[in-house]
Amino acid sequence: MDFLEFQGSNCLRQRIILATLTRRKIIIDQIRERNSSSYGVQKYEISLLKLIEKITNGSSILIDKNGTRITYKPGILYGGSVEHWCCLERSIGYYLEVLIPLAPYCKTPIEARLHGITNDSIDPSVDALRHSSIPLLRQFFSVFDEEQLELKIISRGLKPGGGGIVSFKSPIRKVLKPVHLMMPGKVKRIRGIAFATRVSPQIANRMVDTAKGMLLKFIPDIYIYTDHLKGKNSGKSPGFGLSLVAETTEGVFYVGEAMSKPAESGGDVSIPEDVAKLATSNLFNDIYRGGTINTINQGMAAIFMAFTDRDLSKVIFGPLSPYTIQLLRHLQTFTSLTFKLESEPLNNNSENNEEQKDIMMKIGSKKIIAACVGLGFKNLNKTVK
């Protein structure tokens, strides 16, 4: 089979995920050739490729001497027990966004133990993935033991020192079931966790007070836990942050989070009240974007929908993120599968229908109904019992 060829460093994880699932050999060329500040493949990308080698059997990954060309020949997804030290340039969430879509298709249930940074301002935190991505994965599984699917924070680690440990385990499935998620529902409760590592425990309380002051104006059912970590569970660097999750009456989760600046980043010092306001604003924005899939899980949901049994899956997205748009293009390249995307119609009973339409077009709040017929993809790696 011929190689699929790509150029540039954008969407490296998408290409690796889809190549691994479809067993397509790929070449990625011209990786940051002209960028003098960061030339070629970065350390965190090499760390990701090493993780792929650990969970597969027979994969071949070659990087040329200039570090600007990757040749990947995927092997069999094996899974099993894996321990990996992630690069401290990116958080563990960067690696989990690859592990979670691949986990159901392994030969043996995956049990991964990842070391590194649990929370930063670039990638989704482990808290956000635990409260939104894991429930989404459950939607595509048939009957299974709840204890088989788990994402657990053993210790937190922040930039620049890291020191966090995360445990992730997932069952395997022969085939994923299609989903039909068309009812977002209304927000019924908000939960959150305010964490502080190697700083005063009062900082976590200040974030809780500020966030609740904003949220209680809209809904009464709010509970935010405080997590002040000490000793070996607090990682190697000081910092604090807030992660909020809103759950709807239909079991849809929206997330918003914010982090303090790293200790060695320079500039202004982060204030707990400002971090809480930013996290709350991010939650409001995710709720406003709406849909039955929150923003950080759009790409993951699209992958699961494409690789389900041969039947119709249909969900509502908020405005598509650039990452999701590129993923849909990659899905067409690897599998020839095309999603049907159409705008959700406005409420015809509204007296200000035209005015609503103008406002929504300006601020990009239109919902997208995404539908596709699954490829009928089966996990051929699964051991027959």
Protein backbone atom coordinates (compact mmCIF):
# COMPACT_ATOMS: atom_id res chain seq x y z
CA MET A 1 0.00 0.00 0.00
CA ASP A 2 1.33 3.43 -0.89
CA PHE A 3 2.21 6.01 1.69
CA LEU A 4 -0.08 8.93 2.43
CA GLU A 5 2.01 12.09 2.39
CA PHE A 6 1.43 15.21 4.49
CA GLN A 7 3.35 18.39 5.09
CA GLY A 8 3.87 20.52 8.19
CA SER A 9 3.59 19.92 11.91
CA ASN A 10 -0.08 20.83 12.32
CA CYS A 11 -2.43 18.08 13.46
CA LEU A 12 0.33 15.50 13.98
CA ARG A 13 -1.81 13.65 16.55
CA GLN A 14 -4.76 13.37 14.16
CA ARG A 15 -2.57 11.78 11.52
CA ILE A 16 -1.02 9.35 14.00
CA ILE A 17 -4.43 8.28 15.42
CA LEU A 18 -6.03 7.72 12.02
CA ALA A 19 -2.96 6.00 10.57
CA THR A 20 -2.89 3.62 13.56
CA LEU A 21 -6.59 2.75 13.29
CA THR A 22 -6.65 2.34 9.51
CA ARG A 23 -3.16 0.75 9.24
CA ARG A 24 -2.21 3.32 6.61
CA LYS A 25 1.48 4.15 6.23
CA ILE A 26 2.18 7.88 6.30
CA ILE A 27 5.02 10.32 5.65
CA ILE A 28 4.98 13.77 7.26
CA ASP A 29 7.50 16.09 5.63
CA GLN A 30 8.66 19.71 6.03
CA ILE A 31 8.11 19.79 9.79
CA ARG A 32 8.97 23.32 10.90
CA GLU A 33 11.70 23.70 8.28
CA ARG A 34 11.52 27.48 8.10
CA ASN A 35 10.78 28.21 11.74
CA SER A 36 14.12 29.17 13.29
CA SER A 37 12.73 29.34 16.85
CA SER A 38 11.61 25.68 16.88
CA TYR A 39 13.15 23.61 14.11
CA GLY A 40 11.95 20.13 13.26
CA VAL A 41 10.22 17.59 15.50
CA GLN A 42 9.92 18.79 19.10
CA LYS A 43 10.70 16.83 22.27
CA TYR A 44 7.03 16.44 23.23
CA GLU A 45 6.23 15.02 19.78
CA ILE A 46 9.08 12.51 20.09
CA SER A 47 7.71 11.56 23.52
CA LEU A 48 4.27 10.99 21.94
CA LEU A 49 5.78 8.76 19.25
CA LYS A 50 7.55 6.72 21.94
CA LEU A 51 4.20 6.25 23.69
CA ILE A 52 2.69 5.00 20.42
CA GLU A 53 5.52 2.47 20.15
CA LYS A 54 4.75 1.25 23.68
CA ILE A 55 1.06 0.57 23.04
CA THR A 56 1.58 -1.01 19.60
CA ASN A 57 3.41 -4.08 18.42
CA GLY A 58 5.44 -3.94 15.21
CA SER A 59 5.24 -0.19 14.57
CA SER A 60 8.08 1.49 12.71
CA ILE A 61 8.74 5.20 13.32
CA LEU A 62 11.68 6.83 11.54
CA ILE A 63 12.80 10.46 11.89
CA ASP A 64 15.38 11.69 9.39
CA LYS A 65 18.69 13.21 10.48
CA ASN A 66 17.36 16.76 10.03
CA GLY A 67 14.34 16.06 12.23
CA THR A 68 11.92 17.41 9.63
CA ARG A 69 10.50 14.16 8.21
CA ILE A 70 8.61 11.33 9.94
CA THR A 71 7.89 7.97 8.36
CA TYR A 72 5.30 5.94 10.27
CA LYS A 73 4.31 2.34 9.55
CA PRO A 74 1.66 1.37 12.13
CA GLY A 75 1.64 -1.99 13.83
CA ILE A 76 -0.97 -3.82 15.89
CA LEU A 77 -2.61 -1.98 18.79
CA TYR A 78 -1.66 -4.11 21.77
CA GLY A 79 -2.37 -1.98 24.88
CA GLY A 80 -1.59 -3.71 28.16
CA SER A 81 0.26 -2.16 31.07
CA VAL A 82 2.21 0.95 30.07
CA GLU A 83 4.26 3.44 32.06
CA HIS A 84 5.41 6.60 30.32
CA TRP A 85 7.25 9.77 31.36
CA CYS A 86 5.71 12.57 29.30
CA CYS A 87 7.74 15.54 28.11
CA LEU A 88 7.28 18.55 30.41
CA GLU A 89 6.71 20.91 27.48
CA ARG A 90 3.09 19.69 27.21
CA SER A 91 0.65 18.35 29.76
CA ILE A 92 -0.59 14.78 30.14
CA GLY A 93 -3.86 15.85 28.47
CA TYR A 94 -1.93 16.15 25.18
CA TYR A 95 -1.10 12.42 25.37
CA LEU A 96 -4.50 11.32 26.71
CA GLU A 97 -6.24 12.85 23.68
CA VAL A 98 -4.38 10.21 21.66
CA LEU A 99 -4.72 7.31 24.10
CA ILE A 100 -8.48 7.62 24.67
CA PRO A 101 -9.56 7.18 20.99
CA LEU A 102 -7.15 4.26 20.53
CA ALA A 103 -7.89 2.43 23.80
CA PRO A 104 -11.09 0.54 22.75
CA TYR A 105 -9.32 -1.03 19.77
CA CYS A 106 -6.36 -2.58 21.59
CA LYS A 107 -5.73 -6.33 21.85
CA THR A 108 -5.72 -6.23 25.67
CA PRO A 109 -7.28 -3.60 27.98
CA ILE A 110 -4.93 -0.70 28.39
CA GLU A 111 -3.66 0.34 31.81
CA ALA A 112 -1.47 3.40 31.39
CA ARG A 113 0.41 5.28 34.08
CA LEU A 114 1.56 8.67 32.84
CA HIS A 115 4.04 10.97 34.60
CA GLY A 116 4.28 14.70 33.90
CA ILE A 117 2.15 17.84 34.07
CA THR A 118 -1.52 17.41 34.93
CA ASN A 119 -2.70 21.02 34.45
CA ASP A 120 -1.53 23.80 32.17
CA SER A 121 -3.03 26.56 30.04
CA ILE A 122 -2.36 24.92 26.64
CA ASP A 123 -4.01 21.49 26.68
CA PRO A 124 -7.20 20.23 28.36
CA SER A 125 -6.47 19.27 31.94
CA VAL A 126 -6.85 15.76 33.29
CA ASP A 127 -9.83 17.07 35.32
CA ALA A 128 -11.62 18.25 32.17
CA LEU A 129 -10.99 14.96 30.36
CA ARG A 130 -12.09 12.91 33.36
CA HIS A 131 -15.42 14.73 33.68
CA SER A 132 -16.27 15.12 29.97
CA SER A 133 -14.30 12.68 27.76
CA ILE A 134 -14.85 9.59 29.90
CA PRO A 135 -18.68 10.05 29.97
CA LEU A 136 -18.55 10.54 26.19
CA LEU A 137 -16.64 7.29 25.74
CA ARG A 138 -19.30 5.49 27.81
CA GLN A 139 -21.92 6.56 25.26
CA PHE A 140 -20.19 4.49 22.56
CA PHE A 141 -19.68 1.40 24.73
CA SER A 142 -22.26 -1.29 25.20
CA VAL A 143 -22.67 -2.93 28.62
CA PHE A 144 -19.43 -2.87 30.63
CA ASP A 145 -18.16 -2.72 34.18
CA GLU A 146 -17.81 0.89 35.35
CA GLU A 147 -14.55 0.04 37.11
CA GLN A 148 -12.97 -0.94 33.80
CA LEU A 149 -13.03 2.66 32.55
CA GLU A 150 -11.21 5.06 34.83
CA LEU A 151 -9.10 8.19 34.71
CA LYS A 152 -7.54 8.94 38.06
CA ILE A 153 -5.17 11.65 39.32
CA ILE A 154 -2.68 10.12 41.74
CA SER A 155 -0.65 13.31 42.20
CA ARG A 156 -0.70 16.72 40.56
CA GLY A 157 2.21 18.28 38.72
CA LEU A 158 2.43 21.80 37.34
CA LYS A 159 4.90 23.61 35.11
CA PRO A 160 7.84 23.77 35.02
CA GLY A 161 8.83 20.87 37.29
CA GLY A 162 5.93 18.46 36.73
CA GLY A 163 5.79 15.53 39.12
CA GLY A 164 2.17 14.57 38.41
CA ILE A 165 0.99 10.97 38.00
CA VAL A 166 -2.19 9.92 36.20
CA SER A 167 -3.69 6.46 35.83
CA PHE A 168 -5.89 5.60 32.83
CA LYS A 169 -7.53 2.29 32.05
CA SER A 170 -10.12 1.33 29.47
CA PRO A 171 -11.87 -1.86 28.32
CA ILE A 172 -11.68 -3.11 24.74
CA ARG A 173 -14.59 -3.59 22.38
CA LYS A 174 -15.15 -5.55 19.20
CA VAL A 175 -17.21 -2.70 17.79
CA LEU A 176 -18.52 0.63 19.09
CA LYS A 177 -22.22 1.36 18.96
CA PRO A 178 -23.61 4.39 17.07
CA VAL A 179 -25.04 7.28 19.09
CA HIS A 180 -27.94 9.67 18.66
CA LEU A 181 -27.36 12.73 20.87
CA MET A 182 -29.82 15.43 19.87
CA MET A 183 -31.01 16.81 23.23
CA PRO A 184 -28.53 19.07 25.04
CA GLY A 185 -30.89 19.68 27.95
CA LYS A 186 -30.61 22.44 30.51
CA VAL A 187 -27.84 22.90 33.05
CA LYS A 188 -28.96 21.40 36.36
CA ARG A 189 -25.78 21.49 38.45
CA ILE A 190 -22.21 22.71 38.45
CA ARG A 191 -19.30 20.97 40.11
CA GLY A 192 -15.68 21.97 40.29
CA ILE A 193 -12.32 21.50 41.90
CA ALA A 194 -10.02 24.28 43.09
CA PHE A 195 -6.51 22.96 43.59
CA ALA A 196 -3.41 24.54 45.08
CA THR A 197 0.03 22.93 45.17
CA ARG A 198 2.93 24.23 47.27
CA VAL A 199 1.10 27.49 48.03
CA SER A 200 -1.17 28.68 50.83
CA PRO A 201 -4.41 26.64 51.15
CA GLN A 202 -6.28 29.94 51.46
CA ILE A 203 -5.76 30.50 47.73
CA ALA A 204 -8.11 27.64 46.88
CA ASN A 205 -10.80 29.12 49.16
CA ARG A 206 -10.46 32.50 47.46
CA MET A 207 -11.03 30.92 44.05
CA VAL A 208 -14.11 29.08 45.34
CA ASP A 209 -15.61 32.26 46.82
CA THR A 210 -15.12 34.23 43.58
CA ALA A 211 -16.48 31.49 41.32
CA LYS A 212 -19.54 30.83 43.47
CA GLY A 213 -20.25 34.55 43.62
CA MET A 214 -20.60 34.54 39.83
CA LEU A 215 -22.32 31.17 39.40
CA LEU A 216 -24.96 31.51 42.13
CA LYS A 217 -26.61 34.26 40.09
CA PHE A 218 -27.76 31.59 37.63
CA ILE A 219 -28.16 28.25 39.42
CA PRO A 220 -28.30 27.18 43.08
CA ASP A 221 -26.86 23.65 42.83
CA ILE A 222 -23.13 24.40 42.96
CA TYR A 223 -20.40 22.57 44.81
CA ILE A 224 -16.70 23.24 44.34
CA TYR A 225 -14.20 21.01 46.09
CA THR A 226 -10.89 22.31 47.39
CA ASP A 227 -7.83 20.18 46.81
CA HIS A 228 -4.77 21.41 48.68
CA LEU A 229 -1.97 18.98 48.04
CA LYS A 230 1.09 18.55 50.19
CA GLY A 231 4.19 16.42 50.14
CA LYS A 232 4.80 14.00 47.29
CA ASN A 233 1.26 14.48 45.91
CA SER A 234 1.86 18.18 45.23
CA GLY A 235 4.39 17.77 42.41
CA LYS A 236 7.55 19.81 42.06
CA SER A 237 6.28 23.32 41.27
CA PRO A 238 3.92 25.78 42.99
CA GLY A 239 0.68 26.87 41.37
CA PHE A 240 -3.12 26.81 41.53
CA GLY A 241 -6.11 26.54 39.27
CA LEU A 242 -9.84 25.95 38.96
CA SER A 243 -11.74 23.43 36.84
CA LEU A 244 -15.54 23.68 36.51
CA VAL A 245 -18.00 21.20 35.00
CA ALA A 246 -21.67 21.90 34.23
CA GLU A 247 -23.99 18.90 33.81
CA THR A 248 -27.32 19.13 31.97
CA THR A 249 -30.55 17.23 32.46
CA GLU A 250 -29.62 15.03 29.46
CA GLY A 251 -26.16 14.07 30.75
CA VAL A 252 -24.17 16.54 28.64
CA PHE A 253 -21.06 18.07 30.22
CA TYR A 254 -19.56 21.51 29.59
CA VAL A 255 -16.19 22.49 31.03
CA GLY A 256 -14.28 25.65 31.83
CA GLU A 257 -10.91 25.96 33.51
CA ALA A 258 -8.03 28.31 34.16
CA MET A 259 -4.53 28.05 35.59
CA SER A 260 -2.07 30.34 37.29
CA LYS A 261 1.04 31.33 35.35
CA PRO A 262 4.05 29.02 35.81
CA ALA A 263 6.50 30.03 38.52
CA GLU A 264 9.31 30.85 36.06
CA SER A 265 7.25 32.43 33.27
CA GLY A 266 7.93 36.02 34.35
CA GLY A 267 5.45 38.86 33.99
CA ASP A 268 2.61 39.62 36.37
CA VAL A 269 1.81 37.28 39.25
CA SER A 270 -1.49 35.39 38.94
CA ILE A 271 -4.23 36.38 41.38
CA PRO A 272 -6.69 33.69 42.58
CA GLU A 273 -9.71 35.91 41.92
CA ASP A 274 -8.62 36.51 38.31
CA VAL A 275 -8.08 32.78 37.73
CA ALA A 276 -11.57 32.02 39.11
CA LYS A 277 -13.18 34.69 36.90
CA LEU A 278 -11.41 33.34 33.81
CA ALA A 279 -12.45 29.74 34.57
CA THR A 280 -16.06 30.82 35.11
CA SER A 281 -16.04 32.84 31.87
CA ASN A 282 -14.66 29.86 29.98
CA LEU A 283 -17.46 27.69 31.39
CA PHE A 284 -20.08 30.26 30.36
CA ASN A 285 -18.56 30.33 26.87
CA ASP A 286 -18.69 26.54 26.54
CA ILE A 287 -22.33 26.51 27.70
CA TYR A 288 -23.15 29.28 25.24
CA ARG A 289 -21.53 27.38 22.35
CA GLY A 290 -23.81 24.53 23.35
CA GLY A 291 -24.45 21.28 21.55
CA THR A 292 -24.47 17.76 22.95
CA ILE A 293 -20.66 17.56 22.68
CA ASN A 294 -18.52 20.19 24.35
CA THR A 295 -15.74 21.97 22.48
CA ILE A 296 -12.73 19.97 23.66
CA ASN A 297 -14.42 16.67 22.73
CA GLN A 298 -15.62 17.53 19.22
CA GLY A 299 -12.69 15.81 17.54
CA MET A 300 -12.86 12.75 19.78
CA ALA A 301 -16.59 12.36 19.12
CA ALA A 302 -16.03 12.64 15.35
CA ILE A 303 -13.46 9.81 15.47
CA PHE A 304 -15.78 7.55 17.48
CA MET A 305 -18.72 8.31 15.17
CA ALA A 306 -16.66 7.41 12.10
CA PHE A 307 -15.41 4.09 13.51
CA THR A 308 -18.70 2.77 14.92
CA ASP A 309 -20.81 -0.07 13.56
CA ARG A 310 -22.40 0.51 10.14
CA ASP A 311 -25.34 2.61 11.29
CA LEU A 312 -26.28 6.27 11.61
CA SER A 313 -24.73 8.46 14.32
CA LYS A 314 -26.07 11.93 14.83
CA VAL A 315 -25.00 14.64 17.30
CA ILE A 316 -25.17 18.40 17.74
CA PHE A 317 -21.92 20.35 17.85
CA GLY A 318 -21.45 23.95 18.81
CA PRO A 319 -19.47 26.09 16.33
CA LEU A 320 -16.76 23.81 14.97
CA SER A 321 -13.24 24.45 16.22
CA PRO A 322 -10.39 24.67 13.65
CA TYR A 323 -9.05 21.38 15.07
CA THR A 324 -12.35 19.62 14.37
CA ILE A 325 -12.61 21.03 10.85
CA GLN A 326 -9.17 19.71 9.98
CA LEU A 327 -9.99 16.35 11.56
CA LEU A 328 -13.05 15.96 9.32
CA ARG A 329 -10.79 16.57 6.32
CA HIS A 330 -8.31 13.99 7.57
CA LEU A 331 -11.12 11.46 8.09
CA GLN A 332 -12.09 11.88 4.45
CA THR A 333 -8.45 11.43 3.37
CA PHE A 334 -7.89 8.25 5.41
CA THR A 335 -11.31 6.60 5.14
CA SER A 336 -13.24 8.42 2.35
CA LEU A 337 -15.96 9.05 4.95
CA THR A 338 -17.83 12.34 4.66
CA PHE A 339 -19.92 13.86 7.44
CA LYS A 340 -23.19 15.57 6.68
CA LEU A 341 -23.14 18.97 8.39
CA GLU A 342 -26.12 21.29 8.54
CA SER A 343 -27.03 24.28 10.67
CA GLU A 344 -29.56 23.71 13.41
CA PRO A 345 -32.78 25.59 12.56
CA LEU A 346 -33.84 28.45 14.78
CA ASN A 347 -37.01 28.35 16.85
CA ASN A 348 -39.82 29.23 14.46
CA ASN A 349 -41.99 30.45 17.33
CA SER A 350 -39.60 33.30 18.08
CA GLU A 351 -40.93 36.75 17.26
CA ASN A 352 -37.40 38.03 16.68
CA ASN A 353 -36.29 35.18 14.42
CA GLU A 354 -34.49 37.39 11.92
CA GLU A 355 -32.84 39.41 14.66
CA GLN A 356 -31.64 36.19 16.34
CA LYS A 357 -30.26 34.97 13.05
CA ASP A 358 -28.28 38.18 12.49
CA ILE A 359 -26.84 38.08 16.01
CA MET A 360 -25.89 34.39 15.73
CA MET A 361 -24.18 34.93 12.39
CA LYS A 362 -22.12 37.78 13.83
CA ILE A 363 -20.91 36.02 16.96
CA GLY A 364 -20.66 32.49 15.56
CA SER A 365 -23.06 30.74 17.91
CA LYS A 366 -24.79 28.54 15.34
CA LYS A 367 -25.16 24.89 16.24
CA ILE A 368 -24.13 22.21 13.75
CA ILE A 369 -26.00 18.92 13.29
CA ALA A 370 -23.36 16.34 12.34
CA ALA A 371 -24.37 12.95 10.96
CA CYS A 372 -22.51 10.04 9.44
CA VAL A 373 -22.86 6.31 8.83
CA GLY A 374 -20.11 4.42 10.62
CA LEU A 375 -17.48 2.49 8.73
CA GLY A 376 -18.41 -0.78 10.44
CA PHE A 377 -14.89 -0.86 11.86
CA LYS A 378 -14.19 -3.96 13.93
CA ASN A 379 -11.43 -4.53 16.42
CA LEU A 380 -9.53 -7.39 14.82
CA ASN A 381 -6.91 -7.19 17.57
CA LYS A 382 -9.37 -8.27 20.27
CA THR A 383 -8.65 -11.70 21.70
CA VAL A 384 -11.53 -14.12 21.14
CA LYS A 385 -12.77 -15.73 24.36
